[in-house]
N, C-alpha and C. Protein backbone atom coordinates (compact mmCIF):
# COMPACT_ATOMS: atom_id res chain seq x y z
N MET A 1 -17.10 -2.13 7.36
CA MET A 1 -16.25 -1.24 8.58
C MET A 1 -16.21 0.15 7.89
N ALA A 2 -15.73 1.19 9.01
CA ALA A 2 -15.66 2.59 8.62
C ALA A 2 -14.98 3.36 9.38
N VAL A 3 -14.74 4.62 8.98
CA VAL A 3 -13.87 5.45 9.66
C VAL A 3 -14.66 6.07 10.79
N VAL A 4 -14.63 5.85 11.97
CA VAL A 4 -15.07 6.16 13.33
C VAL A 4 -14.35 6.88 14.21
N SER A 5 -14.79 7.97 14.58
CA SER A 5 -14.14 9.02 15.39
C SER A 5 -13.60 8.47 16.69
N ASN A 6 -14.22 7.59 17.41
CA ASN A 6 -13.81 7.16 18.56
C ASN A 6 -13.29 5.87 18.71
N ALA A 7 -12.82 5.27 17.30
CA ALA A 7 -12.53 3.91 17.38
C ALA A 7 -11.19 3.70 18.22
N SER A 8 -10.91 2.53 18.67
CA SER A 8 -9.38 2.35 19.50
C SER A 8 -8.15 2.28 18.43
N VAL A 9 -8.87 1.95 17.39
CA VAL A 9 -7.30 2.18 16.24
C VAL A 9 -7.41 3.19 15.45
N ARG A 10 -6.22 3.67 15.44
CA ARG A 10 -6.22 5.10 14.79
C ARG A 10 -5.01 5.03 14.11
N ILE A 11 -5.25 5.59 12.78
CA ILE A 11 -4.13 5.53 11.70
C ILE A 11 -3.76 6.83 11.25
N SER A 12 -2.66 7.28 10.85
CA SER A 12 -2.55 8.69 10.18
C SER A 12 -2.59 8.54 8.77
N ALA A 13 -2.92 9.62 8.23
CA ALA A 13 -3.07 9.83 6.72
C ALA A 13 -3.23 11.18 6.38
N PHE A 14 -2.97 11.51 5.00
CA PHE A 14 -2.89 12.97 4.77
C PHE A 14 -4.21 13.50 4.27
N SER A 15 -4.41 15.02 4.52
CA SER A 15 -5.55 15.39 4.24
C SER A 15 -5.54 16.17 2.83
N TRP A 16 -4.15 16.38 2.13
CA TRP A 16 -3.84 16.98 1.24
C TRP A 16 -2.57 16.40 0.55
N VAL A 17 -2.61 15.91 -0.72
CA VAL A 17 -1.22 15.45 -1.49
C VAL A 17 -1.68 15.86 -2.99
N PRO A 18 -0.59 15.81 -3.52
CA PRO A 18 -1.01 16.46 -5.08
C PRO A 18 -1.77 15.58 -5.86
N GLU A 19 -2.53 15.95 -6.85
CA GLU A 19 -3.72 15.15 -7.54
C GLU A 19 -3.03 13.82 -7.78
N PHE A 20 -1.93 13.80 -8.47
CA PHE A 20 -1.39 12.45 -9.24
C PHE A 20 -1.23 11.45 -7.88
N ALA A 21 -1.12 11.93 -6.48
CA ALA A 21 -0.85 10.88 -5.69
C ALA A 21 -2.02 10.42 -4.71
N ARG A 22 -3.49 11.15 -5.23
CA ARG A 22 -4.64 10.57 -4.59
C ARG A 22 -5.24 9.26 -5.08
N GLY A 23 -5.21 8.61 -4.03
CA GLY A 23 -5.45 7.04 -4.21
C GLY A 23 -4.53 5.95 -4.14
N PHE A 24 -3.21 6.60 -4.00
CA PHE A 24 -1.82 5.88 -3.93
C PHE A 24 -0.98 6.04 -2.78
N VAL A 25 -1.32 6.85 -1.64
CA VAL A 25 -0.92 7.22 -0.44
C VAL A 25 -1.02 5.60 0.33
N ARG A 26 0.44 5.40 0.96
CA ARG A 26 0.44 4.02 1.56
C ARG A 26 -0.31 3.87 2.85
N ASP A 27 -1.34 4.86 3.30
CA ASP A 27 -2.27 4.47 3.99
C ASP A 27 -3.43 3.66 3.77
N LEU A 28 -3.59 3.78 2.27
CA LEU A 28 -4.64 2.80 1.47
C LEU A 28 -4.25 1.47 1.93
N ARG A 29 -3.16 0.81 1.77
CA ARG A 29 -2.70 -0.44 2.26
C ARG A 29 -3.30 -0.90 3.79
N VAL A 30 -2.95 0.00 4.65
CA VAL A 30 -3.63 -0.32 6.01
C VAL A 30 -5.07 -0.31 6.05
N ARG A 31 -5.83 1.00 5.57
CA ARG A 31 -7.05 0.90 5.59
C ARG A 31 -7.42 -0.32 4.83
N TRP A 32 -7.29 -0.88 3.77
CA TRP A 32 -7.51 -2.04 3.11
C TRP A 32 -7.43 -3.25 4.13
N ALA A 33 -6.45 -3.37 4.62
CA ALA A 33 -6.18 -4.54 5.90
C ALA A 33 -7.29 -4.29 6.90
N LEU A 34 -7.38 -2.98 7.51
CA LEU A 34 -8.35 -3.01 8.31
C LEU A 34 -9.87 -3.58 8.03
N GLU A 35 -10.31 -3.20 6.81
CA GLU A 35 -11.53 -3.33 6.06
C GLU A 35 -11.62 -4.70 5.95
N GLU A 36 -10.51 -5.70 5.67
CA GLU A 36 -10.49 -6.87 5.31
C GLU A 36 -10.88 -7.88 6.68
N ALA A 37 -10.05 -7.08 7.65
CA ALA A 37 -10.25 -7.68 9.20
C ALA A 37 -11.61 -7.42 9.92
N GLY A 38 -12.34 -6.37 9.21
CA GLY A 38 -13.52 -6.13 10.13
C GLY A 38 -13.33 -5.21 11.25
N ILE A 39 -12.22 -4.25 11.06
CA ILE A 39 -11.87 -3.33 12.22
C ILE A 39 -12.48 -1.98 11.81
N ASP A 40 -12.82 -1.25 12.74
CA ASP A 40 -13.26 0.32 12.38
C ASP A 40 -11.81 1.08 12.85
N TYR A 41 -11.88 2.11 12.25
CA TYR A 41 -10.69 3.02 12.71
C TYR A 41 -10.90 4.47 12.57
N SER A 42 -10.11 5.20 13.34
CA SER A 42 -10.16 6.65 13.36
C SER A 42 -8.87 7.25 12.39
N GLU A 43 -8.67 8.30 12.22
CA GLU A 43 -7.78 9.29 11.39
C GLU A 43 -7.34 10.16 12.19
N ARG A 44 -5.95 10.33 11.98
CA ARG A 44 -5.18 11.49 12.34
C ARG A 44 -4.66 12.14 10.92
N LEU A 45 -5.49 13.06 10.61
CA LEU A 45 -5.19 13.66 9.31
C LEU A 45 -4.01 14.91 9.39
N LEU A 46 -3.12 14.62 8.23
CA LEU A 46 -2.12 15.80 8.24
C LEU A 46 -1.85 16.33 6.92
N ASP A 47 -1.44 17.66 6.91
CA ASP A 47 -1.56 18.34 5.49
C ASP A 47 -0.03 18.04 5.36
N GLY A 48 -0.09 17.38 3.75
CA GLY A 48 1.24 17.09 3.36
C GLY A 48 2.02 18.22 2.84
N ARG A 49 1.41 19.35 2.63
CA ARG A 49 2.29 20.49 2.55
C ARG A 49 3.08 21.16 3.52
N LEU A 50 2.75 20.78 4.97
CA LEU A 50 3.11 21.20 6.21
C LEU A 50 4.19 20.37 6.80
N ASP A 51 4.95 20.98 7.85
CA ASP A 51 5.80 20.43 8.65
C ASP A 51 4.91 19.41 9.66
N ARG A 52 5.57 18.49 10.13
CA ARG A 52 4.69 17.45 10.86
C ARG A 52 4.68 17.94 12.20
N PRO A 53 3.61 17.71 12.98
CA PRO A 53 3.58 17.99 14.46
C PRO A 53 4.62 17.39 15.25
N VAL A 54 4.97 18.08 16.19
CA VAL A 54 6.40 17.77 17.05
C VAL A 54 6.14 16.37 17.59
N ASP A 55 4.80 15.92 17.90
CA ASP A 55 4.48 14.94 18.68
C ASP A 55 4.61 13.58 17.61
N TYR A 56 4.47 13.87 16.58
CA TYR A 56 4.35 12.94 15.47
C TYR A 56 5.30 11.83 15.32
N VAL A 57 6.59 12.45 15.48
CA VAL A 57 7.89 11.73 15.16
C VAL A 57 7.51 10.48 16.37
N SER A 58 7.01 10.56 17.47
CA SER A 58 6.90 9.45 18.44
C SER A 58 5.79 8.38 17.47
N GLU A 59 5.15 8.38 16.93
CA GLU A 59 4.65 7.38 16.09
C GLU A 59 5.29 7.05 14.88
N GLN A 60 5.78 8.26 14.18
CA GLN A 60 6.47 7.67 12.64
C GLN A 60 7.74 8.53 12.93
N PRO A 61 8.95 7.81 13.03
CA PRO A 61 10.24 8.45 13.32
C PRO A 61 10.39 9.57 11.97
N PHE A 62 10.01 8.98 10.75
CA PHE A 62 10.54 9.60 9.51
C PHE A 62 9.37 10.54 9.13
N GLY A 63 8.53 10.79 9.79
CA GLY A 63 7.33 11.76 9.30
C GLY A 63 6.28 11.17 8.38
N GLN A 64 6.51 10.24 7.91
CA GLN A 64 5.71 9.52 6.65
C GLN A 64 4.30 9.15 7.19
N VAL A 65 3.36 8.51 6.34
CA VAL A 65 2.16 8.06 6.85
C VAL A 65 2.26 6.54 6.00
N PRO A 66 1.63 5.81 6.69
CA PRO A 66 0.67 5.98 7.83
C PRO A 66 1.61 5.40 9.17
N SER A 67 0.87 5.92 10.11
CA SER A 67 1.31 5.46 11.60
C SER A 67 -0.07 4.57 12.12
N TYR A 68 0.31 3.84 13.06
CA TYR A 68 -0.89 2.88 13.72
C TYR A 68 -0.83 3.25 15.22
N VAL A 69 -1.90 3.35 15.75
CA VAL A 69 -1.89 3.23 17.20
C VAL A 69 -3.16 2.60 17.64
N ASP A 70 -2.75 1.50 18.86
CA ASP A 70 -3.80 0.72 19.28
C ASP A 70 -3.47 0.17 20.51
N LYS A 71 -4.12 0.58 21.66
CA LYS A 71 -4.18 0.01 22.78
C LYS A 71 -2.66 -0.24 23.48
N GLY A 72 -1.80 0.95 23.32
CA GLY A 72 -0.37 0.85 23.43
C GLY A 72 0.49 0.45 22.16
N VAL A 73 -0.10 -0.31 21.38
CA VAL A 73 0.78 -0.48 20.25
C VAL A 73 0.98 0.57 19.21
N VAL A 74 2.28 1.05 18.95
CA VAL A 74 2.33 2.31 18.26
C VAL A 74 3.25 1.74 16.89
N LEU A 75 2.92 1.75 15.84
CA LEU A 75 3.65 1.06 14.74
C LEU A 75 3.86 2.19 13.59
N PHE A 76 4.73 1.86 12.58
CA PHE A 76 5.06 2.36 11.41
C PHE A 76 5.62 1.59 10.35
N GLU A 77 5.44 1.86 9.22
CA GLU A 77 5.90 1.22 8.06
C GLU A 77 4.58 0.34 7.71
N SER A 78 4.15 0.34 6.40
CA SER A 78 2.64 -0.27 6.30
C SER A 78 2.72 -1.73 6.03
N GLY A 79 3.86 -2.27 5.65
CA GLY A 79 4.06 -3.82 5.85
C GLY A 79 3.96 -4.38 7.12
N ALA A 80 4.54 -3.57 8.04
CA ALA A 80 4.58 -4.03 9.38
C ALA A 80 3.22 -3.79 10.09
N ILE A 81 2.55 -2.87 9.85
CA ILE A 81 1.04 -2.70 10.15
C ILE A 81 0.21 -3.76 9.57
N VAL A 82 0.45 -4.23 8.28
CA VAL A 82 -0.64 -5.10 7.77
C VAL A 82 -0.60 -6.37 8.41
N LEU A 83 0.80 -6.76 8.45
CA LEU A 83 1.20 -8.06 9.46
C LEU A 83 0.66 -8.06 10.74
N HIS A 84 0.83 -6.92 11.49
CA HIS A 84 0.27 -6.67 12.84
C HIS A 84 -1.38 -7.02 12.85
N ILE A 85 -1.87 -6.44 12.06
CA ILE A 85 -3.39 -6.39 11.73
C ILE A 85 -3.81 -7.94 11.54
N GLY A 86 -2.92 -8.63 10.41
CA GLY A 86 -3.24 -9.85 10.28
C GLY A 86 -2.92 -10.98 11.43
N GLU A 87 -2.38 -10.70 12.36
CA GLU A 87 -2.15 -11.81 13.39
C GLU A 87 -3.12 -12.30 14.11
N THR A 88 -4.21 -11.50 14.09
CA THR A 88 -5.60 -12.01 14.40
C THR A 88 -6.70 -12.14 13.39
N CYS A 89 -6.17 -12.09 12.53
CA CYS A 89 -7.51 -12.12 11.21
C CYS A 89 -6.89 -13.37 10.19
N ASP A 90 -7.51 -14.43 10.23
CA ASP A 90 -7.45 -15.49 9.37
C ASP A 90 -7.80 -14.70 7.60
N ALA A 91 -8.42 -13.77 7.52
CA ALA A 91 -8.83 -13.39 6.36
C ALA A 91 -7.20 -12.85 5.73
N LEU A 92 -6.49 -12.45 6.39
CA LEU A 92 -5.08 -12.06 5.87
C LEU A 92 -4.04 -12.96 6.38
N LEU A 93 -3.92 -13.66 7.16
CA LEU A 93 -2.77 -14.52 7.59
C LEU A 93 -3.48 -15.91 8.12
N PRO A 94 -3.49 -16.86 7.07
CA PRO A 94 -4.00 -18.15 7.48
C PRO A 94 -3.47 -18.74 8.84
N ASN A 95 -4.44 -19.41 9.58
CA ASN A 95 -3.97 -20.00 10.74
C ASN A 95 -3.02 -21.26 10.49
N GLU A 96 -2.96 -22.10 9.45
CA GLU A 96 -2.31 -23.13 9.33
C GLU A 96 -0.88 -22.68 9.04
N PRO A 97 0.17 -23.20 9.95
CA PRO A 97 1.32 -22.60 9.98
C PRO A 97 2.31 -22.22 8.65
N ALA A 98 2.20 -23.33 7.90
CA ALA A 98 2.83 -23.43 6.56
C ALA A 98 2.30 -22.23 5.62
N GLU A 99 1.05 -22.12 5.56
CA GLU A 99 0.44 -21.20 4.69
C GLU A 99 0.61 -19.76 4.94
N ARG A 100 0.52 -19.63 6.72
CA ARG A 100 0.66 -18.17 7.19
C ARG A 100 2.11 -17.99 6.97
N ALA A 101 3.20 -18.64 6.97
CA ALA A 101 4.45 -18.37 6.60
C ALA A 101 4.67 -17.94 5.20
N ARG A 102 4.19 -18.69 4.33
CA ARG A 102 4.15 -18.29 2.74
C ARG A 102 3.41 -16.85 2.63
N ALA A 103 2.44 -16.58 3.28
CA ALA A 103 1.69 -15.14 3.34
C ALA A 103 2.74 -14.15 3.75
N ILE A 104 3.43 -14.50 4.62
CA ILE A 104 4.19 -13.28 5.54
C ILE A 104 5.41 -13.12 4.20
N ALA A 105 5.83 -14.38 3.78
CA ALA A 105 7.01 -14.13 2.66
C ALA A 105 6.63 -13.28 1.64
N TRP A 106 5.44 -13.51 1.24
CA TRP A 106 4.75 -12.73 -0.15
C TRP A 106 4.67 -11.10 0.46
N VAL A 107 4.44 -10.81 1.56
CA VAL A 107 4.65 -9.49 2.02
C VAL A 107 5.93 -8.90 1.93
N PHE A 108 7.00 -9.66 2.37
CA PHE A 108 8.38 -9.31 2.21
C PHE A 108 8.69 -9.20 0.77
N ALA A 109 8.27 -10.12 0.02
CA ALA A 109 8.72 -10.07 -1.42
C ALA A 109 8.33 -8.56 -1.97
N ALA A 110 7.00 -8.49 -1.91
CA ALA A 110 6.47 -7.23 -2.46
C ALA A 110 7.24 -6.07 -2.26
N LEU A 111 7.34 -5.86 -0.85
CA LEU A 111 8.22 -4.71 -0.66
C LEU A 111 9.63 -4.69 -0.64
N ASN A 112 10.33 -5.93 -0.81
CA ASN A 112 11.92 -6.12 -0.82
C ASN A 112 12.43 -6.41 -2.25
N SER A 113 11.41 -7.26 -2.82
CA SER A 113 12.13 -7.92 -4.24
C SER A 113 11.21 -6.94 -5.35
N VAL A 114 10.17 -6.54 -4.96
CA VAL A 114 9.57 -5.90 -6.21
C VAL A 114 9.44 -4.26 -6.24
N GLU A 115 8.87 -3.85 -5.13
CA GLU A 115 8.63 -2.53 -4.97
C GLU A 115 10.11 -1.59 -5.04
N PRO A 116 11.23 -1.87 -4.57
CA PRO A 116 12.35 -0.97 -4.86
C PRO A 116 12.63 -0.59 -6.39
N TRP A 117 12.05 -1.80 -7.29
CA TRP A 117 12.58 -1.28 -8.66
C TRP A 117 11.58 -0.52 -9.16
N THR A 118 10.23 -0.82 -8.95
CA THR A 118 9.11 -0.24 -9.63
C THR A 118 8.90 1.06 -9.05
N ALA A 119 9.24 1.54 -7.68
CA ALA A 119 9.12 2.37 -7.29
C ALA A 119 9.95 3.72 -7.90
N GLN A 120 11.25 3.00 -7.95
CA GLN A 120 12.08 4.13 -8.53
C GLN A 120 11.73 4.32 -10.00
N LEU A 121 11.16 3.67 -10.65
CA LEU A 121 10.65 3.98 -12.16
C LEU A 121 9.54 4.84 -12.04
N GLY A 122 8.78 4.77 -10.90
CA GLY A 122 7.68 5.85 -10.70
C GLY A 122 8.25 7.22 -10.35
N ALA A 123 9.23 7.09 -9.50
CA ALA A 123 9.75 8.26 -9.11
C ALA A 123 10.51 9.24 -10.22
N LEU A 124 11.15 8.17 -11.13
CA LEU A 124 11.80 9.16 -12.39
C LEU A 124 10.70 9.84 -12.85
N ASP A 125 9.45 9.45 -13.10
CA ASP A 125 8.44 10.12 -13.99
C ASP A 125 7.64 11.06 -13.26
N ALA A 126 7.69 10.90 -12.03
CA ALA A 126 6.96 11.80 -11.09
C ALA A 126 7.73 13.06 -10.78
N PHE A 127 8.99 12.80 -10.42
CA PHE A 127 9.84 13.75 -9.70
C PHE A 127 11.07 14.25 -10.54
N HIS A 128 11.19 13.44 -11.73
CA HIS A 128 12.98 13.67 -12.39
C HIS A 128 12.56 13.73 -13.84
N ALA A 129 11.56 13.76 -14.36
CA ALA A 129 11.21 13.58 -15.71
C ALA A 129 12.01 14.76 -16.46
N GLY A 130 12.63 14.63 -17.69
CA GLY A 130 13.43 15.55 -18.33
C GLY A 130 14.69 15.67 -17.97
N GLU A 131 15.19 15.31 -16.63
CA GLU A 131 16.43 15.49 -16.35
C GLU A 131 17.36 14.53 -16.98
N ALA A 132 18.55 14.99 -17.44
CA ALA A 132 19.54 14.42 -18.29
C ALA A 132 19.87 12.90 -17.76
N TRP A 133 19.88 12.78 -16.26
CA TRP A 133 20.66 11.47 -15.95
C TRP A 133 19.51 10.25 -16.06
N THR A 134 18.26 10.55 -16.16
CA THR A 134 17.42 9.66 -16.36
C THR A 134 17.36 8.86 -17.45
N LYS A 135 17.99 9.36 -18.46
CA LYS A 135 18.19 8.61 -19.90
C LYS A 135 18.90 7.40 -19.42
N GLU A 136 19.83 7.75 -18.65
CA GLU A 136 20.84 6.47 -18.39
C GLU A 136 20.41 5.22 -17.41
N ARG A 137 19.60 6.20 -16.47
CA ARG A 137 19.16 5.22 -15.34
C ARG A 137 18.04 4.31 -15.84
N ARG A 138 16.97 4.81 -16.57
CA ARG A 138 15.74 4.36 -16.78
C ARG A 138 15.99 2.93 -17.50
N PRO A 139 16.84 2.71 -18.51
CA PRO A 139 16.98 1.31 -19.02
C PRO A 139 17.48 0.25 -17.82
N GLN A 140 18.23 0.67 -17.08
CA GLN A 140 18.80 -0.01 -15.90
C GLN A 140 17.72 -0.51 -15.12
N LEU A 141 16.76 0.55 -14.59
CA LEU A 141 15.97 0.07 -13.85
C LEU A 141 14.62 -0.79 -14.41
N GLU A 142 14.33 -0.44 -15.68
CA GLU A 142 13.45 -1.23 -16.45
C GLU A 142 14.00 -2.76 -16.62
N LYS A 143 15.41 -2.92 -16.69
CA LYS A 143 15.60 -4.22 -16.66
C LYS A 143 15.57 -4.91 -15.47
N MET A 144 15.89 -4.32 -14.27
CA MET A 144 15.68 -4.95 -13.04
C MET A 144 14.00 -5.17 -12.67
N ALA A 145 13.56 -4.26 -13.16
CA ALA A 145 12.01 -4.40 -12.64
C ALA A 145 11.40 -5.35 -13.38
N ALA A 146 11.63 -5.48 -14.98
CA ALA A 146 11.13 -6.83 -15.71
C ALA A 146 11.58 -8.05 -15.15
N ARG A 147 12.78 -8.25 -14.79
CA ARG A 147 13.18 -9.33 -14.22
C ARG A 147 12.17 -9.90 -13.04
N ARG A 148 11.90 -8.99 -12.18
CA ARG A 148 11.19 -9.08 -11.01
C ARG A 148 9.88 -9.67 -11.61
N LEU A 149 9.19 -8.74 -12.50
CA LEU A 149 7.88 -9.12 -12.64
C LEU A 149 7.94 -10.25 -13.55
N ASP A 150 8.74 -10.80 -14.20
CA ASP A 150 8.84 -11.76 -15.11
C ASP A 150 8.89 -13.06 -14.00
N ASN A 151 9.43 -12.98 -12.98
CA ASN A 151 9.47 -14.04 -11.93
C ASN A 151 8.05 -14.10 -11.26
N LEU A 152 7.45 -12.87 -11.11
CA LEU A 152 6.23 -12.91 -10.51
C LEU A 152 5.08 -13.52 -11.19
N GLU A 153 5.17 -13.12 -12.49
CA GLU A 153 4.32 -13.78 -13.41
C GLU A 153 4.46 -15.23 -13.63
N ALA A 154 5.60 -15.79 -13.85
CA ALA A 154 6.02 -17.06 -13.83
C ALA A 154 5.29 -17.78 -12.52
N HIS A 155 5.46 -17.37 -11.38
CA HIS A 155 4.95 -18.05 -10.27
C HIS A 155 3.25 -17.98 -10.26
N LEU A 156 2.99 -16.80 -10.70
CA LEU A 156 1.17 -16.56 -10.60
C LEU A 156 0.81 -17.66 -11.74
N GLY A 157 1.28 -17.60 -12.78
CA GLY A 157 0.79 -18.54 -13.87
C GLY A 157 -0.71 -18.14 -14.03
N ASP A 158 -1.64 -19.17 -14.09
CA ASP A 158 -2.94 -18.91 -14.15
C ASP A 158 -3.93 -19.00 -12.88
N ARG A 159 -3.02 -19.10 -11.85
CA ARG A 159 -3.91 -19.03 -10.46
C ARG A 159 -4.31 -17.80 -10.22
N PRO A 160 -5.49 -17.54 -9.49
CA PRO A 160 -5.85 -16.26 -9.02
C PRO A 160 -5.03 -15.46 -8.14
N TRP A 161 -4.39 -16.38 -7.25
CA TRP A 161 -3.99 -15.43 -6.02
C TRP A 161 -2.31 -16.03 -6.18
N LEU A 162 -1.56 -15.51 -5.18
CA LEU A 162 -0.26 -15.93 -5.14
C LEU A 162 0.05 -17.40 -4.56
N GLU A 163 -0.83 -17.75 -3.48
CA GLU A 163 -0.93 -18.91 -3.16
C GLU A 163 -2.42 -19.44 -3.23
N ASN A 164 -2.98 -20.30 -2.36
CA ASN A 164 -4.29 -21.00 -2.36
C ASN A 164 -5.51 -20.33 -2.31
N ARG A 165 -5.19 -19.06 -1.76
CA ARG A 165 -6.25 -17.55 -1.48
C ARG A 165 -5.84 -16.41 -1.46
N PHE A 166 -6.74 -15.38 -1.21
CA PHE A 166 -6.40 -14.29 -0.92
C PHE A 166 -5.58 -13.95 0.43
N THR A 167 -4.36 -13.40 0.62
CA THR A 167 -3.79 -13.16 1.82
C THR A 167 -3.11 -11.75 1.91
N ALA A 168 -2.65 -11.62 3.25
CA ALA A 168 -1.75 -9.99 3.22
C ALA A 168 -0.82 -10.11 2.12
N GLY A 169 -0.31 -11.15 1.48
CA GLY A 169 0.56 -11.26 0.52
C GLY A 169 0.21 -10.41 -0.71
N ASP A 170 -1.09 -10.98 -0.98
CA ASP A 170 -1.91 -10.40 -2.32
C ASP A 170 -2.28 -8.95 -2.10
N LEU A 171 -2.46 -8.64 -0.84
CA LEU A 171 -2.89 -7.32 -0.53
C LEU A 171 -1.55 -6.36 -0.83
N THR A 172 -0.62 -6.75 -0.30
CA THR A 172 0.64 -5.87 -0.43
C THR A 172 1.31 -5.99 -1.68
N MET A 173 1.21 -7.23 -2.36
CA MET A 173 1.75 -7.06 -3.78
C MET A 173 0.81 -6.32 -4.81
N SER A 174 -0.44 -6.26 -4.70
CA SER A 174 -1.19 -5.87 -5.60
C SER A 174 -1.21 -4.15 -5.27
N ALA A 175 -0.96 -3.92 -4.14
CA ALA A 175 -0.58 -2.46 -3.89
C ALA A 175 0.65 -1.98 -4.47
N VAL A 176 1.62 -2.90 -4.42
CA VAL A 176 2.77 -2.39 -5.08
C VAL A 176 2.70 -2.20 -6.41
N LEU A 177 1.74 -3.22 -7.08
CA LEU A 177 1.72 -3.22 -8.53
C LEU A 177 0.64 -2.10 -8.99
N ARG A 178 -0.18 -1.53 -8.21
CA ARG A 178 -1.00 -0.58 -8.29
C ARG A 178 -0.16 0.77 -8.46
N ASP A 179 1.02 0.97 -7.85
CA ASP A 179 1.93 2.12 -8.00
C ASP A 179 2.72 2.24 -9.02
N SER A 180 2.77 1.00 -10.17
CA SER A 180 3.55 0.95 -11.30
C SER A 180 3.05 0.69 -12.56
N ASP A 181 3.12 1.98 -13.17
CA ASP A 181 2.56 2.04 -14.65
C ASP A 181 3.19 0.72 -15.47
N PHE A 182 4.60 0.62 -15.12
CA PHE A 182 5.26 -0.33 -16.10
C PHE A 182 4.73 -1.99 -15.88
N ALA A 183 4.49 -2.08 -14.37
CA ALA A 183 3.90 -3.41 -14.12
C ALA A 183 2.28 -3.46 -14.67
N SER A 184 1.46 -2.19 -15.00
CA SER A 184 0.36 -2.53 -15.31
C SER A 184 0.08 -2.78 -16.95
N ALA A 185 1.30 -2.61 -17.60
CA ALA A 185 1.42 -2.95 -18.97
C ALA A 185 1.22 -4.41 -19.23
N ARG A 186 1.43 -5.31 -18.08
CA ARG A 186 1.53 -6.77 -18.41
C ARG A 186 0.21 -7.24 -18.12
N PRO A 187 -0.62 -7.88 -19.07
CA PRO A 187 -1.85 -8.19 -18.95
C PRO A 187 -2.39 -9.33 -17.68
N ARG A 188 -1.49 -10.28 -17.57
CA ARG A 188 -1.53 -11.15 -16.50
C ARG A 188 -1.41 -10.40 -14.92
N LEU A 189 -0.57 -9.56 -14.94
CA LEU A 189 -0.44 -8.78 -13.88
C LEU A 189 -1.55 -7.67 -13.66
N ALA A 190 -1.86 -7.29 -14.61
CA ALA A 190 -3.13 -6.01 -14.83
C ALA A 190 -4.30 -6.91 -14.22
N ALA A 191 -4.61 -8.29 -14.57
CA ALA A 191 -5.68 -9.02 -14.40
C ALA A 191 -5.71 -9.53 -12.78
N TYR A 192 -4.54 -9.65 -12.32
CA TYR A 192 -4.25 -10.05 -11.08
C TYR A 192 -4.67 -8.72 -10.25
N ARG A 193 -4.08 -7.60 -10.25
CA ARG A 193 -4.35 -6.38 -9.81
C ARG A 193 -5.91 -6.12 -9.80
N ALA A 194 -6.51 -6.39 -10.96
CA ALA A 194 -7.92 -6.01 -10.93
C ALA A 194 -8.70 -7.01 -10.03
N ARG A 195 -8.24 -8.43 -9.91
CA ARG A 195 -8.77 -9.10 -9.15
C ARG A 195 -8.77 -8.65 -7.46
N CYS A 196 -7.83 -8.30 -7.16
CA CYS A 196 -7.46 -7.74 -5.87
C CYS A 196 -8.09 -6.45 -5.61
N GLU A 197 -8.30 -5.68 -6.42
CA GLU A 197 -8.93 -4.09 -6.48
C GLU A 197 -10.34 -4.25 -6.47
N GLY A 198 -10.96 -5.54 -6.77
CA GLY A 198 -12.50 -5.59 -6.99
C GLY A 198 -13.05 -6.45 -5.68
N ARG A 199 -12.18 -6.51 -4.67
CA ARG A 199 -12.52 -6.91 -3.31
C ARG A 199 -13.48 -5.74 -2.78
N PRO A 200 -14.64 -6.08 -2.06
CA PRO A 200 -15.23 -4.84 -1.64
C PRO A 200 -14.47 -4.26 -0.61
N ALA A 201 -13.62 -4.81 0.27
CA ALA A 201 -12.81 -4.12 1.24
C ALA A 201 -11.55 -3.17 0.88
N PHE A 202 -11.34 -3.67 -0.63
CA PHE A 202 -10.22 -2.37 -1.16
C PHE A 202 -10.96 -1.36 -1.51
N LYS A 203 -12.16 -1.41 -2.25
CA LYS A 203 -13.25 -0.34 -2.68
C LYS A 203 -13.50 0.72 -1.51
N ARG A 204 -13.84 -0.09 -0.43
CA ARG A 204 -14.27 0.86 0.88
C ARG A 204 -12.76 1.64 1.43
N ALA A 205 -11.75 0.69 1.37
CA ALA A 205 -10.64 1.63 1.61
C ALA A 205 -10.15 2.78 0.70
N LEU A 206 -10.22 2.46 -0.45
CA LEU A 206 -9.94 3.67 -1.48
C LEU A 206 -10.99 4.74 -1.38
N ALA A 207 -12.21 4.69 -1.13
CA ALA A 207 -13.24 5.68 -1.04
C ALA A 207 -12.72 6.24 0.34
N ALA A 208 -12.64 5.72 1.34
CA ALA A 208 -12.01 6.17 2.55
C ALA A 208 -10.88 7.25 2.52
N GLN A 209 -9.91 6.96 1.91
CA GLN A 209 -8.79 7.59 1.68
C GLN A 209 -9.17 8.95 0.76
N MET A 210 -10.07 8.83 -0.23
CA MET A 210 -10.34 9.83 -1.08
C MET A 210 -11.10 10.82 -0.37
N ALA A 211 -12.04 10.14 0.52
CA ALA A 211 -12.74 11.21 1.28
C ALA A 211 -12.09 12.14 2.27
N ALA A 212 -10.89 11.53 2.60
CA ALA A 212 -10.09 12.56 3.42
C ALA A 212 -9.48 13.68 2.63
N PHE A 213 -9.31 13.60 1.36
CA PHE A 213 -8.82 14.76 0.59
C PHE A 213 -9.84 15.77 0.28
N GLU A 214 -11.32 15.20 0.48
CA GLU A 214 -12.45 16.44 -0.01
C GLU A 214 -12.24 17.71 1.02
N PRO A 215 -12.21 17.84 2.10
CA PRO A 215 -12.16 19.19 2.60
C PRO A 215 -10.87 20.03 1.92
N ALA A 216 -9.65 19.54 1.64
CA ALA A 216 -8.63 20.29 0.87
C ALA A 216 -9.39 20.60 -0.33
N LYS A 217 -9.95 19.70 -1.03
CA LYS A 217 -10.33 19.91 -2.36
C LYS A 217 -11.34 21.18 -2.18
N ALA A 218 -12.42 21.26 -1.37
CA ALA A 218 -13.34 22.18 -1.32
C ALA A 218 -12.55 23.39 -0.95
N SER A 219 -11.52 23.69 0.12
CA SER A 219 -10.92 24.76 0.25
C SER A 219 -10.04 25.34 -0.72
N SER A 220 -9.85 24.72 -1.74
CA SER A 220 -8.75 25.26 -2.88
C SER A 220 -9.86 25.63 -3.97
N GLN A 221 -11.02 25.63 -4.04
CA GLN A 221 -12.01 25.92 -5.04
C GLN A 221 -12.41 27.33 -4.86
């Protein structure tokens, strides 16, 4: 699939973010889901350095990305969008009710049980490095993140995916792990993430996100 200017599905993304954030902005999760589902999409690109357009809050009340617009459906929050895309896509949400429910549960687990702790660790390094209070806070966050990652590793064991096959749960969980150097230090989770990111749909999604930054790179040179 591809970014197509007249596609009925439209997502928002950034045309500029700092170098360290490129390849990690959360529209990547939605692009990946669309690629897995075989759905073309268009982009509404926003400059991360500027205030959001006034009309954008109707798509994303908090001014973040991504937003999603499709035939009257307007959504925000990457997890909600991934699940919406998966509603008609067996590649993301299995048709069998029990398997489908488990896949949805893993999406919530990634966003609610794992990401709050790993994201806080990432924020310490990206935005608060060297501040005195981080010396006290980091051990607390590392302890909680380690506990969650231990639980995740124990469940994963030697299986390739969280359940019987790749689902939206794996997409979301691996995206959360991608954002965490703390998680990447664990060989089993690193291998799991590599399997997920080895999928052709992920590679296309990452290339599309990086391509959105090219005009910004060119104008800054």
